N, C-alpha and C. Protein backbone atom coordinates (compact mmCIF):
# COMPACT_ATOMS: atom_id res chain seq x y z
N MET A 1 28.83 13.66 -90.70
CA MET A 1 27.84 13.28 -89.98
C MET A 1 27.98 11.81 -89.61
N GLU A 2 28.64 11.25 -90.22
CA GLU A 2 28.80 9.92 -90.26
C GLU A 2 29.47 9.64 -88.68
N THR A 3 30.45 10.33 -88.58
CA THR A 3 31.05 10.50 -87.12
C THR A 3 30.04 10.75 -86.10
N LEU A 4 29.21 11.57 -86.35
CA LEU A 4 28.26 11.99 -85.23
C LEU A 4 27.36 10.75 -85.09
N LEU A 5 27.08 10.02 -86.12
CA LEU A 5 26.28 8.89 -86.03
C LEU A 5 26.89 7.78 -85.41
N VAL A 6 28.26 7.66 -85.68
CA VAL A 6 29.04 6.52 -85.03
C VAL A 6 29.02 6.88 -83.45
N VAL A 7 29.31 8.11 -83.06
CA VAL A 7 29.53 8.62 -81.76
C VAL A 7 28.13 8.26 -81.00
N ALA A 8 26.99 8.70 -81.63
CA ALA A 8 25.75 8.41 -81.08
C ALA A 8 25.44 7.06 -80.85
N ILE A 9 25.84 6.14 -81.77
CA ILE A 9 25.50 4.70 -81.72
C ILE A 9 26.56 4.15 -80.42
N ILE A 10 27.74 4.78 -80.41
CA ILE A 10 28.68 4.22 -79.34
C ILE A 10 28.04 4.67 -77.98
N VAL A 11 27.68 6.00 -77.96
CA VAL A 11 27.12 6.49 -76.57
C VAL A 11 25.71 5.76 -76.37
N THR A 12 24.90 5.15 -77.29
CA THR A 12 23.72 4.44 -77.07
C THR A 12 24.13 3.16 -76.73
N ALA A 13 25.03 2.50 -77.39
CA ALA A 13 25.55 1.15 -77.00
C ALA A 13 26.09 1.05 -75.41
N ALA A 14 26.86 2.32 -75.11
CA ALA A 14 27.49 2.26 -73.98
C ALA A 14 26.32 2.50 -72.86
N ALA A 15 25.30 3.26 -73.08
CA ALA A 15 24.23 3.47 -72.23
C ALA A 15 23.42 2.12 -72.13
N ILE A 16 23.18 1.34 -73.20
CA ILE A 16 22.47 0.08 -73.08
C ILE A 16 23.43 -0.87 -72.16
N VAL A 17 24.66 -0.88 -72.44
CA VAL A 17 25.60 -1.92 -71.55
C VAL A 17 25.42 -1.44 -70.09
N VAL A 18 25.59 -0.05 -69.80
CA VAL A 18 25.41 0.39 -68.59
C VAL A 18 23.98 -0.10 -67.80
N GLN A 19 22.94 0.24 -68.73
CA GLN A 19 21.64 -0.18 -68.26
C GLN A 19 21.60 -1.66 -67.82
N ALA A 20 22.12 -2.54 -68.74
CA ALA A 20 22.11 -3.98 -68.56
C ALA A 20 22.81 -4.18 -67.35
N GLY A 21 24.06 -3.50 -67.12
CA GLY A 21 24.79 -3.82 -65.89
C GLY A 21 24.00 -3.41 -64.50
N VAL A 22 23.28 -2.28 -64.63
CA VAL A 22 22.50 -1.99 -63.47
C VAL A 22 21.29 -2.88 -63.35
N LEU A 23 20.79 -3.40 -64.36
CA LEU A 23 19.65 -4.38 -64.27
C LEU A 23 20.15 -5.76 -63.66
N ILE A 24 21.36 -6.26 -64.14
CA ILE A 24 21.93 -7.44 -63.60
C ILE A 24 22.25 -7.13 -61.99
N ALA A 25 22.82 -5.94 -61.71
CA ALA A 25 23.13 -5.79 -60.41
C ALA A 25 21.85 -5.65 -59.61
N MET A 26 20.87 -5.07 -60.02
CA MET A 26 19.46 -4.94 -59.34
C MET A 26 18.91 -6.48 -59.07
N TYR A 27 19.22 -7.30 -60.17
CA TYR A 27 18.59 -8.55 -60.18
C TYR A 27 19.20 -9.37 -59.04
N LEU A 28 20.75 -9.23 -58.93
CA LEU A 28 21.43 -9.89 -57.98
C LEU A 28 21.20 -9.47 -56.44
N MET A 29 21.00 -8.25 -56.47
CA MET A 29 20.74 -7.69 -55.11
C MET A 29 19.22 -8.18 -54.66
N THR A 30 18.32 -8.08 -55.60
CA THR A 30 17.04 -8.52 -55.18
C THR A 30 17.04 -10.14 -54.92
N ARG A 31 17.78 -10.83 -55.81
CA ARG A 31 18.05 -12.37 -55.38
C ARG A 31 18.47 -12.52 -54.06
N ARG A 32 19.40 -11.78 -53.56
CA ARG A 32 20.16 -11.87 -52.32
C ARG A 32 19.12 -11.47 -51.27
N MET A 33 18.42 -10.51 -51.56
CA MET A 33 17.39 -10.08 -50.70
C MET A 33 16.26 -10.96 -50.34
N VAL A 34 15.75 -11.67 -51.43
CA VAL A 34 14.84 -12.76 -51.47
C VAL A 34 15.34 -13.87 -50.62
N ASP A 35 16.57 -14.16 -50.71
CA ASP A 35 17.16 -15.41 -50.02
C ASP A 35 17.09 -15.01 -48.44
N ASN A 36 17.55 -13.69 -48.21
CA ASN A 36 17.63 -13.37 -46.76
C ASN A 36 16.24 -13.45 -46.12
N VAL A 37 15.18 -12.83 -47.04
CA VAL A 37 13.87 -12.86 -46.49
C VAL A 37 13.29 -14.24 -46.42
N ASP A 38 13.62 -15.17 -47.30
CA ASP A 38 13.19 -16.56 -47.16
C ASP A 38 13.81 -17.26 -45.92
N GLY A 39 14.97 -16.90 -45.59
CA GLY A 39 15.56 -17.38 -44.33
C GLY A 39 14.94 -16.92 -43.13
N LEU A 40 14.60 -15.68 -43.16
CA LEU A 40 13.84 -14.94 -41.92
C LEU A 40 12.52 -15.62 -41.82
N VAL A 41 11.68 -15.81 -43.05
CA VAL A 41 10.49 -16.49 -42.88
C VAL A 41 10.57 -17.90 -42.38
N GLN A 42 11.64 -18.63 -42.79
CA GLN A 42 11.88 -19.96 -42.23
C GLN A 42 12.03 -19.90 -40.80
N GLU A 43 12.86 -18.90 -40.26
CA GLU A 43 12.98 -18.61 -38.98
C GLU A 43 11.69 -18.41 -38.15
N ALA A 44 10.82 -17.47 -38.83
CA ALA A 44 9.60 -17.05 -38.23
C ALA A 44 8.70 -18.33 -38.14
N TYR A 45 8.69 -19.22 -39.11
CA TYR A 45 7.85 -20.48 -38.92
C TYR A 45 8.42 -21.20 -38.01
N LYS A 46 9.65 -21.28 -37.70
CA LYS A 46 10.29 -22.05 -36.64
C LYS A 46 9.77 -21.51 -35.25
N LEU A 47 9.72 -20.12 -35.17
CA LEU A 47 9.28 -19.62 -33.81
C LEU A 47 7.74 -19.50 -33.77
N THR A 48 6.98 -19.84 -34.62
CA THR A 48 5.52 -19.76 -34.57
C THR A 48 5.07 -20.84 -33.73
N ALA A 49 5.57 -22.09 -33.89
CA ALA A 49 5.03 -23.19 -32.99
C ALA A 49 5.33 -23.06 -31.55
N PRO A 50 6.40 -22.61 -30.97
CA PRO A 50 6.63 -22.16 -29.61
C PRO A 50 5.73 -21.03 -29.27
N LEU A 51 5.59 -20.07 -29.97
CA LEU A 51 4.84 -18.88 -29.79
C LEU A 51 3.33 -19.25 -29.64
N GLU A 52 2.87 -20.15 -30.48
CA GLU A 52 1.53 -20.76 -30.37
C GLU A 52 1.41 -21.58 -29.10
N ARG A 53 2.26 -22.34 -28.62
CA ARG A 53 2.08 -23.01 -27.48
C ARG A 53 2.02 -22.08 -26.15
N ILE A 54 3.06 -20.99 -26.29
CA ILE A 54 2.97 -19.96 -25.22
C ILE A 54 1.63 -19.30 -25.20
N ALA A 55 1.05 -19.11 -26.27
CA ALA A 55 -0.17 -18.26 -26.41
C ALA A 55 -1.36 -19.19 -25.94
N ASN A 56 -1.27 -20.49 -26.23
CA ASN A 56 -2.16 -21.43 -25.64
C ASN A 56 -2.04 -21.48 -24.16
N ASN A 57 -0.74 -21.56 -23.64
CA ASN A 57 -0.74 -21.64 -22.32
C ASN A 57 -0.99 -20.45 -21.52
N PHE A 58 -0.94 -19.30 -22.13
CA PHE A 58 -1.34 -18.00 -21.53
C PHE A 58 -2.91 -18.08 -21.41
N ARG A 59 -3.64 -18.55 -22.50
CA ARG A 59 -5.08 -18.56 -22.53
C ARG A 59 -5.75 -19.54 -21.63
N VAL A 60 -4.92 -20.74 -21.40
CA VAL A 60 -5.34 -21.70 -20.32
C VAL A 60 -5.16 -21.13 -19.06
N THR A 61 -4.00 -20.47 -18.76
CA THR A 61 -3.71 -19.95 -17.51
C THR A 61 -4.73 -18.78 -17.15
N SER A 62 -4.93 -17.98 -18.13
CA SER A 62 -5.82 -16.96 -17.84
C SER A 62 -7.26 -17.35 -17.54
N GLU A 63 -7.65 -18.53 -18.26
CA GLU A 63 -8.98 -19.17 -17.93
C GLU A 63 -8.85 -19.62 -16.46
N ASP A 64 -7.73 -20.27 -16.16
CA ASP A 64 -7.75 -20.90 -14.81
C ASP A 64 -7.75 -19.75 -13.68
N VAL A 65 -7.03 -18.70 -14.12
CA VAL A 65 -7.07 -17.58 -13.16
C VAL A 65 -8.39 -17.00 -12.87
N VAL A 66 -9.28 -16.77 -14.08
CA VAL A 66 -10.53 -16.45 -14.08
C VAL A 66 -11.51 -17.35 -13.14
N GLU A 67 -11.32 -18.69 -13.39
CA GLU A 67 -12.00 -19.69 -12.58
C GLU A 67 -11.69 -19.47 -10.95
N ILE A 68 -10.32 -19.32 -10.77
CA ILE A 68 -9.98 -19.35 -9.42
C ILE A 68 -10.47 -17.94 -8.78
N GLY A 69 -10.76 -16.96 -9.53
CA GLY A 69 -11.23 -15.70 -9.02
C GLY A 69 -12.65 -15.85 -8.64
N LYS A 70 -13.39 -16.47 -9.69
CA LYS A 70 -14.87 -16.76 -9.43
C LYS A 70 -15.01 -17.70 -8.02
N ASN A 71 -14.17 -18.65 -7.96
CA ASN A 71 -14.23 -19.57 -6.82
C ASN A 71 -13.89 -18.79 -5.48
N ALA A 72 -12.94 -17.88 -5.67
CA ALA A 72 -12.43 -17.18 -4.51
C ALA A 72 -13.51 -16.16 -4.13
N ARG A 73 -14.28 -15.60 -5.03
CA ARG A 73 -15.34 -14.70 -4.84
C ARG A 73 -16.66 -15.51 -4.02
N VAL A 74 -16.87 -16.69 -4.63
CA VAL A 74 -17.85 -17.54 -4.01
C VAL A 74 -17.48 -17.92 -2.60
N GLU A 75 -16.20 -18.19 -2.36
CA GLU A 75 -15.85 -18.74 -1.06
C GLU A 75 -15.80 -17.42 -0.21
N LEU A 76 -15.62 -16.33 -0.62
CA LEU A 76 -15.58 -15.05 0.20
C LEU A 76 -16.93 -14.72 0.67
N ILE A 77 -17.86 -14.80 -0.32
CA ILE A 77 -19.18 -14.56 0.02
C ILE A 77 -19.74 -15.59 1.18
N ARG A 78 -19.50 -16.88 0.90
CA ARG A 78 -19.78 -17.92 1.92
C ARG A 78 -19.26 -17.65 3.15
N MET A 79 -17.91 -17.20 3.22
CA MET A 79 -17.19 -17.00 4.57
C MET A 79 -17.90 -15.68 5.17
N GLU A 80 -18.33 -14.65 4.38
CA GLU A 80 -18.92 -13.49 4.91
C GLU A 80 -20.17 -13.98 5.63
N ASN A 81 -20.90 -14.92 4.99
CA ASN A 81 -22.28 -15.45 5.42
C ASN A 81 -22.10 -16.15 6.80
N ILE A 82 -21.06 -16.95 6.75
CA ILE A 82 -20.77 -17.75 8.04
C ILE A 82 -20.32 -16.84 9.16
N LEU A 83 -19.54 -15.77 8.82
CA LEU A 83 -19.18 -14.85 9.74
C LEU A 83 -20.27 -14.12 10.32
N SER A 84 -21.23 -13.57 9.44
CA SER A 84 -22.38 -12.93 9.82
C SER A 84 -23.36 -13.66 10.76
N GLU A 85 -23.50 -14.99 10.31
CA GLU A 85 -24.36 -16.05 11.16
C GLU A 85 -23.68 -16.08 12.48
N THR A 86 -22.43 -16.40 12.60
CA THR A 86 -21.66 -16.65 13.82
C THR A 86 -21.71 -15.31 14.64
N THR A 87 -21.43 -14.23 14.09
CA THR A 87 -21.68 -13.06 14.91
C THR A 87 -23.13 -12.84 15.52
N THR A 88 -24.09 -13.10 14.64
CA THR A 88 -25.51 -13.06 15.12
C THR A 88 -25.63 -13.98 16.31
N LEU A 89 -25.20 -15.33 16.15
CA LEU A 89 -25.36 -16.39 17.08
C LEU A 89 -24.65 -15.85 18.47
N ILE A 90 -23.44 -15.48 18.35
CA ILE A 90 -22.75 -15.15 19.47
C ILE A 90 -23.43 -13.88 20.31
N ARG A 91 -23.92 -13.07 19.40
CA ARG A 91 -24.56 -11.86 20.17
C ARG A 91 -25.89 -12.33 20.81
N GLU A 92 -26.62 -13.23 20.20
CA GLU A 92 -27.68 -13.87 20.88
C GLU A 92 -27.41 -14.64 22.06
N GLU A 93 -26.35 -15.43 22.11
CA GLU A 93 -25.86 -16.15 23.22
C GLU A 93 -25.42 -15.29 24.21
N VAL A 94 -24.67 -14.25 23.95
CA VAL A 94 -24.07 -13.35 25.04
C VAL A 94 -25.45 -12.68 25.70
N GLN A 95 -26.58 -12.27 24.65
CA GLN A 95 -27.64 -11.68 25.43
C GLN A 95 -28.30 -12.64 26.29
N ASP A 96 -28.55 -13.78 25.82
CA ASP A 96 -29.13 -14.96 26.67
C ASP A 96 -28.38 -15.08 27.94
N LEU A 97 -27.07 -15.12 27.83
CA LEU A 97 -26.28 -15.37 29.03
C LEU A 97 -26.48 -14.05 29.99
N ARG A 98 -26.40 -12.78 29.40
CA ARG A 98 -26.67 -11.62 30.32
C ARG A 98 -28.06 -11.70 30.99
N ASP A 99 -29.01 -12.13 30.35
CA ASP A 99 -30.44 -12.35 30.74
C ASP A 99 -30.48 -13.37 31.94
N LYS A 100 -29.70 -14.52 31.62
CA LYS A 100 -29.66 -15.67 32.75
C LYS A 100 -29.03 -15.09 34.10
N VAL A 101 -27.88 -14.31 33.79
CA VAL A 101 -27.08 -13.83 34.89
C VAL A 101 -27.91 -12.82 35.67
N ASN A 102 -28.59 -11.99 34.91
CA ASN A 102 -29.53 -10.87 35.63
C ASN A 102 -30.54 -11.52 36.34
N ASP A 103 -31.19 -12.59 35.78
CA ASP A 103 -32.16 -13.27 36.43
C ASP A 103 -31.65 -13.97 37.81
N THR A 104 -30.54 -14.53 37.58
CA THR A 104 -29.92 -15.30 38.72
C THR A 104 -29.61 -14.38 39.81
N VAL A 105 -29.18 -13.22 39.50
CA VAL A 105 -28.93 -12.12 40.34
C VAL A 105 -30.05 -11.68 41.00
N ASP A 106 -31.01 -11.49 40.22
CA ASP A 106 -32.46 -11.11 40.89
C ASP A 106 -33.00 -12.12 41.89
N ASP A 107 -32.88 -13.22 41.36
CA ASP A 107 -33.51 -14.40 42.26
C ASP A 107 -32.48 -14.55 43.58
N LEU A 108 -31.19 -14.42 43.29
CA LEU A 108 -30.47 -14.59 44.52
C LEU A 108 -30.61 -13.26 45.48
N GLN A 109 -30.76 -12.05 44.94
CA GLN A 109 -31.05 -10.92 45.77
C GLN A 109 -32.40 -11.16 46.44
N ARG A 110 -33.43 -11.52 45.77
CA ARG A 110 -34.75 -11.68 46.49
C ARG A 110 -34.63 -12.64 47.37
N THR A 111 -33.89 -13.84 47.35
CA THR A 111 -33.79 -14.90 48.17
C THR A 111 -32.94 -14.50 49.30
N VAL A 112 -31.88 -13.75 49.28
CA VAL A 112 -31.04 -13.17 50.43
C VAL A 112 -31.67 -12.14 51.02
N MET A 113 -32.38 -11.05 50.44
CA MET A 113 -32.86 -9.94 50.92
C MET A 113 -34.29 -10.18 51.77
N ARG A 114 -35.05 -11.17 51.15
CA ARG A 114 -36.41 -11.47 51.82
C ARG A 114 -36.16 -11.53 53.27
N PRO A 115 -35.37 -12.66 53.79
CA PRO A 115 -35.24 -12.71 55.16
C PRO A 115 -34.77 -11.64 55.92
N VAL A 116 -33.88 -10.91 55.30
CA VAL A 116 -33.20 -9.69 55.89
C VAL A 116 -34.42 -8.48 56.20
N ARG A 117 -35.17 -8.45 55.11
CA ARG A 117 -36.24 -7.48 55.19
C ARG A 117 -37.26 -7.92 56.17
N GLU A 118 -37.52 -9.16 56.21
CA GLU A 118 -38.37 -9.73 57.39
C GLU A 118 -38.00 -9.34 58.54
N TRP A 119 -36.60 -9.76 58.94
CA TRP A 119 -36.17 -9.61 60.16
C TRP A 119 -35.97 -8.03 60.54
N SER A 120 -35.74 -7.22 59.57
CA SER A 120 -35.59 -5.78 59.60
C SER A 120 -37.01 -5.35 60.03
N ALA A 121 -37.93 -5.71 59.45
CA ALA A 121 -39.43 -5.46 59.85
C ALA A 121 -39.65 -5.79 61.19
N ILE A 122 -39.31 -7.15 61.56
CA ILE A 122 -39.72 -7.61 63.00
C ILE A 122 -38.82 -6.76 63.96
N ALA A 123 -37.64 -6.52 63.63
CA ALA A 123 -36.65 -5.52 64.61
C ALA A 123 -37.32 -4.26 64.77
N THR A 124 -37.82 -3.50 63.66
CA THR A 124 -38.48 -2.37 63.65
C THR A 124 -39.76 -2.49 64.44
N GLY A 125 -40.67 -3.47 64.36
CA GLY A 125 -41.71 -3.62 65.17
C GLY A 125 -41.48 -3.89 66.59
N ILE A 126 -40.27 -4.52 66.90
CA ILE A 126 -40.10 -4.69 68.29
C ILE A 126 -39.62 -3.39 68.78
N SER A 127 -38.72 -2.70 67.99
CA SER A 127 -38.25 -1.38 68.45
C SER A 127 -39.47 -0.51 68.93
N ALA A 128 -40.43 -0.31 67.82
CA ALA A 128 -41.39 0.55 68.09
C ALA A 128 -42.36 0.01 69.30
N GLY A 129 -42.42 -1.39 69.51
CA GLY A 129 -43.25 -1.77 70.64
C GLY A 129 -42.58 -1.44 71.92
N LEU A 130 -41.34 -1.58 71.98
CA LEU A 130 -40.46 -1.34 73.20
C LEU A 130 -40.50 0.27 73.61
N ARG A 131 -40.36 1.08 72.47
CA ARG A 131 -40.49 2.49 72.71
C ARG A 131 -41.84 2.76 73.32
N SER A 132 -42.81 2.21 72.51
CA SER A 132 -44.35 2.52 72.98
C SER A 132 -44.50 1.90 74.51
N PHE A 133 -44.10 0.84 74.81
CA PHE A 133 -44.06 0.30 76.15
C PHE A 133 -43.38 1.16 77.22
N PHE A 134 -42.19 1.69 76.87
CA PHE A 134 -41.38 2.37 77.85
C PHE A 134 -41.91 3.90 77.94
N ASN A 135 -42.50 4.37 76.88
CA ASN A 135 -42.98 5.74 76.81
C ASN A 135 -44.46 5.82 77.23
N ARG A 136 -45.01 4.79 77.64
CA ARG A 136 -46.36 4.87 78.06
C ARG A 136 -46.42 5.40 79.53
N GLY A 137 -45.56 5.15 80.25
CA GLY A 137 -45.29 5.77 81.67
C GLY A 137 -45.07 7.15 81.74
N ARG A 138 -44.47 7.67 80.70
CA ARG A 138 -44.11 9.08 80.83
C ARG A 138 -45.04 9.82 79.89
N THR A 139 -45.45 10.86 80.47
CA THR A 139 -46.25 11.68 79.74
C THR A 139 -45.95 13.13 79.86
N THR A 140 -45.64 13.80 78.82
CA THR A 140 -45.19 15.03 78.81
C THR A 140 -46.11 15.92 78.15
N THR A 141 -46.40 17.07 78.82
CA THR A 141 -47.42 17.88 78.30
C THR A 141 -46.92 18.84 77.37
N ALA A 142 -45.57 19.14 77.56
CA ALA A 142 -45.08 20.26 76.59
C ALA A 142 -44.55 19.63 75.29
N THR A 143 -44.27 18.38 75.20
CA THR A 143 -43.77 17.77 74.02
C THR A 143 -44.74 16.64 73.71
N THR A 144 -45.28 16.51 72.60
CA THR A 144 -46.07 15.42 72.14
C THR A 144 -45.31 14.54 71.12
N THR A 145 -45.15 13.45 71.51
CA THR A 145 -44.67 12.49 70.47
C THR A 145 -45.59 11.54 69.64
N THR A 146 -45.29 11.59 68.42
CA THR A 146 -46.26 10.85 67.61
C THR A 146 -45.62 9.37 67.43
N GLU A 147 -46.41 8.52 67.90
CA GLU A 147 -46.04 7.11 67.73
C GLU A 147 -46.17 6.70 66.31
N PRO A 148 -45.44 5.80 65.72
CA PRO A 148 -45.67 5.34 64.52
C PRO A 148 -46.69 4.33 64.46
N THR A 149 -47.71 4.39 63.41
CA THR A 149 -48.64 3.44 63.40
C THR A 149 -48.38 2.48 62.25
N PHE A 150 -48.41 1.38 62.47
CA PHE A 150 -48.12 0.30 61.43
C PHE A 150 -49.37 -0.22 60.82
N THR A 151 -49.50 -0.01 59.52
CA THR A 151 -50.62 -0.50 58.70
C THR A 151 -49.95 -1.69 57.88
N GLU A 152 -50.76 -2.36 57.06
CA GLU A 152 -50.26 -3.36 56.27
C GLU A 152 -49.45 -2.67 55.18
N GLU A 153 -49.72 -1.43 54.74
CA GLU A 153 -48.95 -0.87 53.62
C GLU A 153 -47.51 -0.56 54.17
N THR A 154 -47.46 -0.09 55.41
CA THR A 154 -46.04 0.38 55.92
C THR A 154 -45.24 -1.00 56.12
N ILE A 155 -45.93 -2.07 56.48
CA ILE A 155 -45.02 -3.18 56.70
C ILE A 155 -44.60 -3.72 55.20
N ILE A 156 -45.44 -3.73 54.35
CA ILE A 156 -45.02 -3.97 52.83
C ILE A 156 -43.86 -3.17 52.42
N ASP A 157 -43.98 -1.87 52.63
CA ASP A 157 -42.91 -0.98 52.35
C ASP A 157 -41.50 -1.32 52.98
N ILE A 158 -41.79 -1.60 54.34
CA ILE A 158 -40.65 -2.05 54.96
C ILE A 158 -39.88 -3.29 54.40
N ARG A 159 -40.68 -4.30 54.07
CA ARG A 159 -40.25 -5.59 53.52
C ARG A 159 -39.47 -5.24 52.14
N GLU A 160 -39.86 -4.41 51.32
CA GLU A 160 -39.40 -4.16 50.13
C GLU A 160 -38.10 -3.13 49.98
N THR A 161 -37.93 -2.51 51.14
CA THR A 161 -36.81 -1.71 51.32
C THR A 161 -35.62 -2.36 51.98
N PRO A 162 -34.43 -2.30 51.54
CA PRO A 162 -33.34 -3.02 52.41
C PRO A 162 -33.10 -2.27 53.52
N ALA A 163 -32.59 -3.18 54.57
CA ALA A 163 -32.22 -2.57 55.72
C ALA A 163 -30.98 -1.77 55.79
N ALA A 164 -30.96 -0.66 56.61
CA ALA A 164 -29.81 0.20 56.49
C ALA A 164 -28.62 -0.57 57.52
């Protein structure tokens, strides 16, 4: 049994040596891994400052873009108001111009057509007078002609209608 005990002690000693070797290997690997992680952390710290500056630049830029957008909106509203006012003023001016042109044309037509109407009325009156004068000597019993009678209303009507 003594042999069995020696074998058990040797196996146990070998197991302890193997465990110690495994623990030492794990320690060395962990130490190497810690060194790598420390290096990565140092690199991350080196990149943090530029990333913070970039983030600050983005924040400032986005604030500027928001401000520009607000200013652009205000300017757009102002331009719309100016355009609306200008359109309204132009329409009013065009309407005033149309009214003035129409009034001028009406005045011109009255000014030009008034003497024409008067002369037309005079010519019509002379024509009727001459017909009446020359038809007085002729009397026909079969045909009766009706002479136009001129009252003040027909003279006014003649003046207001353009001559043919």
